[in-house]
Amino acid sequence: WVLESLLSGRRTVLVAPWKKGTFPLYAEPSETSRVVAKLQAGVLGNVRSCDGGSWCSIYGGGFDGYMQQSDLWGVYPNEKVD
């Protein structure tokens, strides 16, 4: 069981915990966009939105940008998050 008051509606993700290395975080939802950070595998982030298959907007301690949805654990493939 989990005490209901300890639950949050905030969505979180882990950056590719099944891989090693770093993953680019882009300024816009495009691989041709400027890379604003490189996040290590296992970094925890908060989900702002996902477009339903390709990109998610995530943020956390010192980072804010877009990452490919396939590199995130915590959102389903093709899931749209508003």
Protein backbone atom coordinates (compact mmCIF):
# COMPACT_ATOMS: atom_id res chain seq x y z
CA TRP A 1 0.00 0.00 0.00
CA VAL A 2 0.98 3.61 -0.43
CA LEU A 3 -0.27 6.49 1.66
CA GLU A 4 -2.32 8.66 -0.71
CA SER A 5 -0.92 11.93 0.66
CA LEU A 6 2.57 10.82 -0.47
CA LEU A 7 1.52 10.51 -4.13
CA SER A 8 2.05 13.28 -6.64
CA GLY A 9 0.50 13.94 -10.04
CA ARG A 10 3.90 14.99 -11.39
CA ARG A 11 5.29 12.77 -14.16
CA THR A 12 8.95 11.85 -13.95
CA VAL A 13 11.27 9.93 -16.26
CA LEU A 14 14.72 8.38 -16.19
CA VAL A 15 17.10 8.99 -19.07
CA ALA A 16 17.88 5.64 -20.75
CA PRO A 17 18.68 3.60 -17.62
CA TRP A 18 19.26 0.53 -19.85
CA LYS A 19 22.19 2.23 -21.67
CA LYS A 20 25.50 3.82 -20.74
CA GLY A 21 26.81 7.21 -21.75
CA THR A 22 25.29 10.63 -22.31
CA PHE A 23 22.24 11.71 -24.29
CA PRO A 24 21.62 15.10 -25.94
CA LEU A 25 18.95 17.46 -24.67
CA TYR A 26 17.85 19.84 -27.43
CA ALA A 27 16.52 23.41 -27.35
CA GLU A 28 13.70 22.45 -29.74
CA PRO A 29 12.11 19.11 -30.70
CA SER A 30 14.52 18.42 -33.57
CA GLU A 31 17.90 16.69 -33.90
CA THR A 32 19.11 19.69 -35.90
CA SER A 33 18.34 22.00 -32.96
CA ARG A 34 21.02 23.31 -30.60
CA VAL A 35 22.14 20.86 -27.88
CA VAL A 36 21.56 22.58 -24.52
CA ALA A 37 22.88 19.76 -22.30
CA LYS A 38 24.11 16.20 -22.31
CA LEU A 39 22.41 14.06 -19.68
CA GLN A 40 23.91 10.88 -18.31
CA ALA A 41 21.95 7.65 -18.30
CA GLY A 42 19.84 7.41 -15.16
CA VAL A 43 19.25 11.15 -14.69
CA LEU A 44 15.81 11.89 -13.24
CA GLY A 45 13.69 14.52 -14.99
CA ASN A 46 10.20 15.96 -14.83
CA VAL A 47 7.92 15.71 -17.87
CA ARG A 48 6.34 18.90 -19.13
CA SER A 49 4.79 17.31 -22.25
CA CYS A 50 5.22 14.59 -24.90
CA ASP A 51 3.97 14.85 -28.47
CA GLY A 52 2.83 11.24 -28.73
CA GLY A 53 5.74 9.37 -30.19
CA SER A 54 8.82 11.43 -30.92
CA TRP A 55 9.72 14.12 -28.39
CA CYS A 56 9.21 14.99 -24.74
CA SER A 57 9.85 18.30 -23.05
CA ILE A 58 11.66 17.60 -19.77
CA TYR A 59 13.30 19.65 -17.05
CA GLY A 60 15.14 19.19 -13.81
CA GLY A 61 18.01 20.50 -11.71
CA GLY A 62 19.82 22.78 -14.13
CA PHE A 63 18.37 21.49 -17.41
CA ASP A 64 15.35 22.21 -19.60
CA GLY A 65 14.77 21.01 -23.15
CA TYR A 66 13.61 18.24 -25.46
CA MET A 67 14.66 14.61 -25.59
CA GLN A 68 13.61 11.79 -27.86
CA GLN A 69 10.81 9.82 -26.22
CA SER A 70 12.53 6.52 -27.06
CA ASP A 71 15.42 7.48 -24.72
CA LEU A 72 13.14 7.93 -21.71
CA TRP A 73 11.87 5.39 -19.20
CA GLY A 74 8.62 6.45 -17.55
CA VAL A 75 6.52 7.29 -20.60
CA TYR A 76 4.94 4.70 -22.84
CA PRO A 77 5.82 4.49 -26.56
CA ASN A 78 3.53 6.87 -28.48
CA GLU A 79 2.06 8.26 -25.24
CA LYS A 80 0.90 11.87 -25.43
CA VAL A 81 1.38 13.90 -22.24
CA ASP A 82 -0.12 17.40 -21.90
